[in-house]
Amino acid sequence: MTALFVFVALIAVNVAYSIRDARRTETARQMDDFYRVEYKKSYGVRDEEATMANGWY
């Protein structure tokens, strides 16, 4: 009976950890997407400005 209780507890902890890890992974992915877009916004504009400034002559 004790062994059964231990295995059920391990399964419950594994499921809880999997749910927590999935949420953490999703949050990390959203932050990566946000920073990727912000990087493109800020440095993409700078590249266009440099191209325009170098092409004036």
N, C-alpha and C. Protein backbone atom coordinates (compact mmCIF):
# COMPACT_ATOMS: atom_id res chain seq x y z
N MET A 1 0.82 -1.19 0.00
CA MET A 1 0.00 0.00 0.00
C MET A 1 0.87 1.26 0.00
N THR A 2 1.95 1.24 0.78
CA THR A 2 2.83 2.40 0.85
C THR A 2 3.50 2.64 -0.49
N ALA A 3 3.89 1.57 -1.16
CA ALA A 3 4.54 1.71 -2.47
C ALA A 3 3.57 2.33 -3.48
N LEU A 4 2.33 1.92 -3.43
CA LEU A 4 1.32 2.49 -4.32
C LEU A 4 1.15 3.99 -4.04
N PHE A 5 1.11 4.36 -2.77
CA PHE A 5 0.98 5.77 -2.39
C PHE A 5 2.18 6.57 -2.89
N VAL A 6 3.38 6.01 -2.79
CA VAL A 6 4.58 6.70 -3.25
C VAL A 6 4.52 6.91 -4.76
N PHE A 7 4.13 5.91 -5.51
CA PHE A 7 4.05 6.04 -6.96
C PHE A 7 2.98 7.05 -7.39
N VAL A 8 1.86 7.05 -6.72
CA VAL A 8 0.81 8.03 -7.02
C VAL A 8 1.30 9.44 -6.72
N ALA A 9 2.01 9.60 -5.62
CA ALA A 9 2.55 10.91 -5.27
C ALA A 9 3.58 11.36 -6.30
N LEU A 10 4.43 10.46 -6.75
CA LEU A 10 5.43 10.79 -7.78
C LEU A 10 4.76 11.19 -9.09
N ILE A 11 3.72 10.51 -9.46
CA ILE A 11 3.00 10.85 -10.69
C ILE A 11 2.36 12.23 -10.55
N ALA A 12 1.77 12.52 -9.40
CA ALA A 12 1.14 13.82 -9.19
C ALA A 12 2.17 14.94 -9.24
N VAL A 13 3.33 14.72 -8.62
CA VAL A 13 4.38 15.74 -8.65
C VAL A 13 4.89 15.92 -10.08
N ASN A 14 5.03 14.85 -10.82
CA ASN A 14 5.49 14.93 -12.20
C ASN A 14 4.51 15.72 -13.06
N VAL A 15 3.24 15.50 -12.90
CA VAL A 15 2.23 16.24 -13.66
C VAL A 15 2.27 17.72 -13.29
N ALA A 16 2.35 18.01 -12.00
CA ALA A 16 2.40 19.41 -11.56
C ALA A 16 3.64 20.10 -12.11
N TYR A 17 4.78 19.44 -12.07
CA TYR A 17 6.01 20.04 -12.59
C TYR A 17 5.92 20.25 -14.11
N SER A 18 5.31 19.31 -14.81
CA SER A 18 5.17 19.45 -16.25
C SER A 18 4.31 20.66 -16.61
N ILE A 19 3.24 20.87 -15.88
CA ILE A 19 2.38 22.03 -16.12
C ILE A 19 3.14 23.31 -15.83
N ARG A 20 3.87 23.36 -14.72
CA ARG A 20 4.64 24.55 -14.35
C ARG A 20 5.73 24.83 -15.39
N ASP A 21 6.41 23.79 -15.84
CA ASP A 21 7.48 23.96 -16.82
C ASP A 21 6.93 24.42 -18.17
N ALA A 22 5.77 23.93 -18.56
CA ALA A 22 5.16 24.36 -19.81
C ALA A 22 4.81 25.84 -19.76
N ARG A 23 4.29 26.31 -18.64
CA ARG A 23 3.96 27.73 -18.50
C ARG A 23 5.21 28.58 -18.54
N ARG A 24 6.27 28.12 -17.86
CA ARG A 24 7.52 28.88 -17.85
C ARG A 24 8.13 28.94 -19.24
N THR A 25 8.06 27.85 -19.97
CA THR A 25 8.58 27.81 -21.33
C THR A 25 7.80 28.74 -22.24
N GLU A 26 6.50 28.77 -22.08
CA GLU A 26 5.66 29.66 -22.90
C GLU A 26 5.98 31.13 -22.61
N THR A 27 6.18 31.46 -21.35
CA THR A 27 6.54 32.83 -20.98
C THR A 27 7.90 33.21 -21.58
N ALA A 28 8.83 32.31 -21.51
CA ALA A 28 10.16 32.57 -22.07
C ALA A 28 10.09 32.76 -23.59
N ARG A 29 9.26 31.98 -24.26
CA ARG A 29 9.11 32.12 -25.71
C ARG A 29 8.49 33.47 -26.06
N GLN A 30 7.50 33.89 -25.29
CA GLN A 30 6.88 35.19 -25.54
C GLN A 30 7.87 36.32 -25.33
N MET A 31 8.71 36.22 -24.31
CA MET A 31 9.72 37.26 -24.08
C MET A 31 10.74 37.28 -25.21
N ASP A 32 11.15 36.10 -25.68
CA ASP A 32 12.09 36.05 -26.81
C ASP A 32 11.48 36.70 -28.05
N ASP A 33 10.20 36.42 -28.31
CA ASP A 33 9.53 37.04 -29.46
C ASP A 33 9.48 38.56 -29.31
N PHE A 34 9.18 39.02 -28.11
CA PHE A 34 9.10 40.46 -27.86
C PHE A 34 10.45 41.13 -28.12
N TYR A 35 11.51 40.57 -27.56
CA TYR A 35 12.83 41.18 -27.74
C TYR A 35 13.30 41.10 -29.19
N ARG A 36 12.93 40.02 -29.89
CA ARG A 36 13.30 39.90 -31.30
C ARG A 36 12.63 41.00 -32.12
N VAL A 37 11.36 41.26 -31.87
CA VAL A 37 10.63 42.30 -32.59
C VAL A 37 11.19 43.68 -32.25
N GLU A 38 11.45 43.92 -30.97
CA GLU A 38 11.99 45.22 -30.57
C GLU A 38 13.38 45.44 -31.17
N TYR A 39 14.18 44.40 -31.25
CA TYR A 39 15.51 44.50 -31.84
C TYR A 39 15.39 44.88 -33.32
N LYS A 40 14.47 44.22 -34.02
CA LYS A 40 14.28 44.53 -35.43
C LYS A 40 13.78 45.96 -35.62
N LYS A 41 12.90 46.42 -34.72
CA LYS A 41 12.40 47.79 -34.83
C LYS A 41 13.53 48.80 -34.66
N SER A 42 14.33 48.62 -33.64
CA SER A 42 15.34 49.64 -33.33
C SER A 42 16.54 49.55 -34.26
N TYR A 43 17.06 48.36 -34.50
CA TYR A 43 18.26 48.26 -35.33
C TYR A 43 17.94 48.24 -36.81
N GLY A 44 16.73 47.83 -37.19
CA GLY A 44 16.33 47.89 -38.59
C GLY A 44 16.24 49.31 -39.08
N VAL A 45 15.72 50.19 -38.24
CA VAL A 45 15.62 51.61 -38.60
C VAL A 45 17.01 52.21 -38.71
N ARG A 46 17.91 51.86 -37.82
CA ARG A 46 19.27 52.39 -37.86
C ARG A 46 19.98 51.96 -39.13
N ASP A 47 19.75 50.72 -39.58
CA ASP A 47 20.37 50.25 -40.82
C ASP A 47 19.85 51.03 -42.02
N GLU A 48 18.55 51.31 -42.04
CA GLU A 48 17.97 52.09 -43.14
C GLU A 48 18.52 53.52 -43.14
N GLU A 49 18.66 54.11 -41.95
CA GLU A 49 19.21 55.46 -41.86
C GLU A 49 20.65 55.48 -42.34
N ALA A 50 21.43 54.47 -41.99
CA ALA A 50 22.83 54.42 -42.42
C ALA A 50 22.92 54.27 -43.93
N THR A 51 22.05 53.49 -44.52
CA THR A 51 22.05 53.32 -45.97
C THR A 51 21.69 54.63 -46.65
N MET A 52 20.71 55.35 -46.12
CA MET A 52 20.32 56.63 -46.70
C MET A 52 21.44 57.65 -46.52
N ALA A 53 22.09 57.65 -45.37
CA ALA A 53 23.16 58.64 -45.12
C ALA A 53 24.37 58.36 -45.99
N ASN A 54 24.65 57.10 -46.27
CA ASN A 54 25.82 56.76 -47.08
C ASN A 54 25.53 56.94 -48.59
N GLY A 55 24.28 57.03 -48.96
CA GLY A 55 23.94 57.12 -50.37
C GLY A 55 23.66 58.54 -50.85
N TRP A 56 23.98 59.54 -50.04
CA TRP A 56 23.66 60.91 -50.44
C TRP A 56 24.60 61.45 -51.49
N TYR A 57 25.78 60.91 -51.61
CA TYR A 57 26.75 61.47 -52.57
C TYR A 57 26.72 60.80 -53.89
